[in-house]
Amino acid sequence: MNNAEQILVIIVSSVLAIFLIFLIVAVVYIIKVLRQVSRVTAQAERAAINVESAADLLGRAASPLGLLKIISGIVDQVNKSKDRKGR
């Protein structure tokens, strides 16, 4: 090999070593970002489950409350009609 070929081999191997180091650093940062994304999605899932359970609880409570409201409305109407007849 002559000097030009040796210089080219040194330059190419240096550039490849720099790219390898850069790639390792980039992969480390990508792994960190993916772990953070995983944590965020897990928190979002927990929040969605909590909201769903709260909505289910409110749905269950709304039915008896709605029925109670209707019944109290009927009782109020009956009381009003008795008051009108009593006058």
C-alpha atoms as a PDB file:
ATOM      1  CA  MET A   1       0.000   0.000   0.000  1.00  0.00           C
ATOM      2  CA  ASN A   2       1.195   3.425  -0.694  1.00  0.00           C
ATOM      3  CA  ASN A   3       0.779   6.460   1.507  1.00  0.00           C
ATOM      4  CA  ALA A   4      -2.465   7.732  -0.108  1.00  0.00           C
ATOM      5  CA  GLU A   5      -4.225   4.441   0.526  1.00  0.00           C
ATOM      6  CA  GLN A   6      -3.076   4.360   4.143  1.00  0.00           C
ATOM      7  CA  ILE A   7      -4.273   7.914   4.699  1.00  0.00           C
ATOM      8  CA  LEU A   8      -7.673   7.069   3.169  1.00  0.00           C
ATOM      9  CA  VAL A   9      -7.987   3.966   5.372  1.00  0.00           C
ATOM     10  CA  ILE A  10      -7.171   6.021   8.475  1.00  0.00           C
ATOM     11  CA  ILE A  11      -9.704   8.713   7.503  1.00  0.00           C
ATOM     12  CA  VAL A  12     -12.462   6.186   6.758  1.00  0.00           C
ATOM     13  CA  SER A  13     -11.831   4.241   9.969  1.00  0.00           C
ATOM     14  CA  SER A  14     -11.830   7.476  11.997  1.00  0.00           C
ATOM     15  CA  VAL A  15     -15.133   8.600  10.464  1.00  0.00           C
ATOM     16  CA  LEU A  16     -16.654   5.178  11.108  1.00  0.00           C
ATOM     17  CA  ALA A  17     -15.474   5.269  14.735  1.00  0.00           C
ATOM     18  CA  ILE A  18     -17.019   8.734  15.187  1.00  0.00           C
ATOM     19  CA  PHE A  19     -20.311   7.544  13.673  1.00  0.00           C
ATOM     20  CA  LEU A  20     -20.253   4.472  15.912  1.00  0.00           C
ATOM     21  CA  ILE A  21     -19.802   6.621  19.027  1.00  0.00           C
ATOM     22  CA  PHE A  22     -22.550   8.982  17.844  1.00  0.00           C
ATOM     23  CA  LEU A  23     -24.862   6.035  17.185  1.00  0.00           C
ATOM     24  CA  ILE A  24     -24.258   4.589  20.665  1.00  0.00           C
ATOM     25  CA  VAL A  25     -25.051   7.931  22.296  1.00  0.00           C
ATOM     26  CA  ALA A  26     -28.168   8.331  20.145  1.00  0.00           C
ATOM     27  CA  VAL A  27     -29.410   4.839  21.051  1.00  0.00           C
ATOM     28  CA  VAL A  28     -28.940   5.579  24.757  1.00  0.00           C
ATOM     29  CA  TYR A  29     -31.020   8.765  24.457  1.00  0.00           C
ATOM     30  CA  ILE A  30     -33.681   6.980  22.403  1.00  0.00           C
ATOM     31  CA  ILE A  31     -33.962   4.291  25.081  1.00  0.00           C
ATOM     32  CA  LYS A  32     -34.363   6.973  27.772  1.00  0.00           C
ATOM     33  CA  VAL A  33     -37.086   8.708  25.749  1.00  0.00           C
ATOM     34  CA  LEU A  34     -38.909   5.421  25.153  1.00  0.00           C
ATOM     35  CA  ARG A  35     -38.853   4.655  28.874  1.00  0.00           C
ATOM     36  CA  GLN A  36     -40.362   8.073  29.606  1.00  0.00           C
ATOM     37  CA  VAL A  37     -43.018   7.490  26.951  1.00  0.00           C
ATOM     38  CA  SER A  38     -43.769   4.142  28.541  1.00  0.00           C
ATOM     39  CA  ARG A  39     -44.223   5.804  31.949  1.00  0.00           C
ATOM     40  CA  VAL A  40     -46.486   8.463  30.480  1.00  0.00           C
ATOM     41  CA  THR A  41     -48.655   5.891  28.732  1.00  0.00           C
ATOM     42  CA  ALA A  42     -48.903   3.857  31.936  1.00  0.00           C
ATOM     43  CA  GLN A  43     -50.024   6.964  33.831  1.00  0.00           C
ATOM     44  CA  ALA A  44     -52.520   7.763  31.076  1.00  0.00           C
ATOM     45  CA  GLU A  45     -53.922   4.233  31.307  1.00  0.00           C
ATOM     46  CA  ARG A  46     -54.289   4.547  35.078  1.00  0.00           C
ATOM     47  CA  ALA A  47     -56.011   7.907  34.671  1.00  0.00           C
ATOM     48  CA  ALA A  48     -58.358   6.482  32.050  1.00  0.00           C
ATOM     49  CA  ILE A  49     -59.222   3.573  34.330  1.00  0.00           C
ATOM     50  CA  ASN A  50     -59.897   5.981  37.215  1.00  0.00           C
ATOM     51  CA  VAL A  51     -62.098   8.175  35.021  1.00  0.00           C
ATOM     52  CA  GLU A  52     -63.930   5.133  33.731  1.00  0.00           C
ATOM     53  CA  SER A  53     -64.577   3.810  37.225  1.00  0.00           C
ATOM     54  CA  ALA A  54     -65.724   7.259  38.385  1.00  0.00           C
ATOM     55  CA  ALA A  55     -68.074   7.518  35.411  1.00  0.00           C
ATOM     56  CA  ASP A  56     -69.406   4.051  36.157  1.00  0.00           C
ATOM     57  CA  LEU A  57     -69.939   4.990  39.799  1.00  0.00           C
ATOM     58  CA  LEU A  58     -71.734   8.197  38.804  1.00  0.00           C
ATOM     59  CA  GLY A  59     -73.813   6.254  36.320  1.00  0.00           C
ATOM     60  CA  ARG A  60     -74.859   3.831  39.014  1.00  0.00           C
ATOM     61  CA  ALA A  61     -75.620   6.671  41.433  1.00  0.00           C
ATOM     62  CA  ALA A  62     -77.451   8.711  38.829  1.00  0.00           C
ATOM     63  CA  SER A  63     -80.131   6.086  38.291  1.00  0.00           C
ATOM     64  CA  PRO A  64     -81.313   5.998  41.929  1.00  0.00           C
ATOM     65  CA  LEU A  65     -80.924   9.766  42.230  1.00  0.00           C
ATOM     66  CA  GLY A  66     -82.942  10.302  39.084  1.00  0.00           C
ATOM     67  CA  LEU A  67     -85.640   7.980  40.354  1.00  0.00           C
ATOM     68  CA  LEU A  68     -85.600   9.743  43.710  1.00  0.00           C
ATOM     69  CA  LYS A  69     -85.922  13.107  41.969  1.00  0.00           C
ATOM     70  CA  ILE A  70     -88.905  11.890  39.964  1.00  0.00           C
ATOM     71  CA  ILE A  71     -90.563  10.503  43.074  1.00  0.00           C
ATOM     72  CA  SER A  72     -89.940  13.735  44.996  1.00  0.00           C
ATOM     73  CA  GLY A  73     -91.389  15.683  42.069  1.00  0.00           C
ATOM     74  CA  ILE A  74     -94.529  13.549  42.167  1.00  0.00           C
ATOM     75  CA  VAL A  75     -94.812  13.983  45.941  1.00  0.00           C
ATOM     76  CA  ASP A  76     -94.425  17.758  45.539  1.00  0.00           C
ATOM     77  CA  GLN A  77     -97.132  17.837  42.902  1.00  0.00           C
ATOM     78  CA  VAL A  78     -99.474  15.802  45.093  1.00  0.00           C
ATOM     79  CA  ASN A  79     -98.803  18.115  48.035  1.00  0.00           C
ATOM     80  CA  LYS A  80     -99.445  21.185  45.882  1.00  0.00           C
ATOM     81  CA  SER A  81    -102.700  19.755  44.603  1.00  0.00           C
ATOM     82  CA  LYS A  82    -103.797  18.910  48.191  1.00  0.00           C
ATOM     83  CA  ASP A  83    -102.970  22.472  49.265  1.00  0.00           C
ATOM     84  CA  ARG A  84    -105.071  23.880  46.418  1.00  0.00           C
ATOM     85  CA  LYS A  85    -108.024  21.623  47.273  1.00  0.00           C
ATOM     86  CA  GLY A  86    -107.765  22.443  50.962  1.00  0.00           C
ATOM     87  CA  ARG A  87    -108.118  26.212  50.389  1.00  0.00           C
END
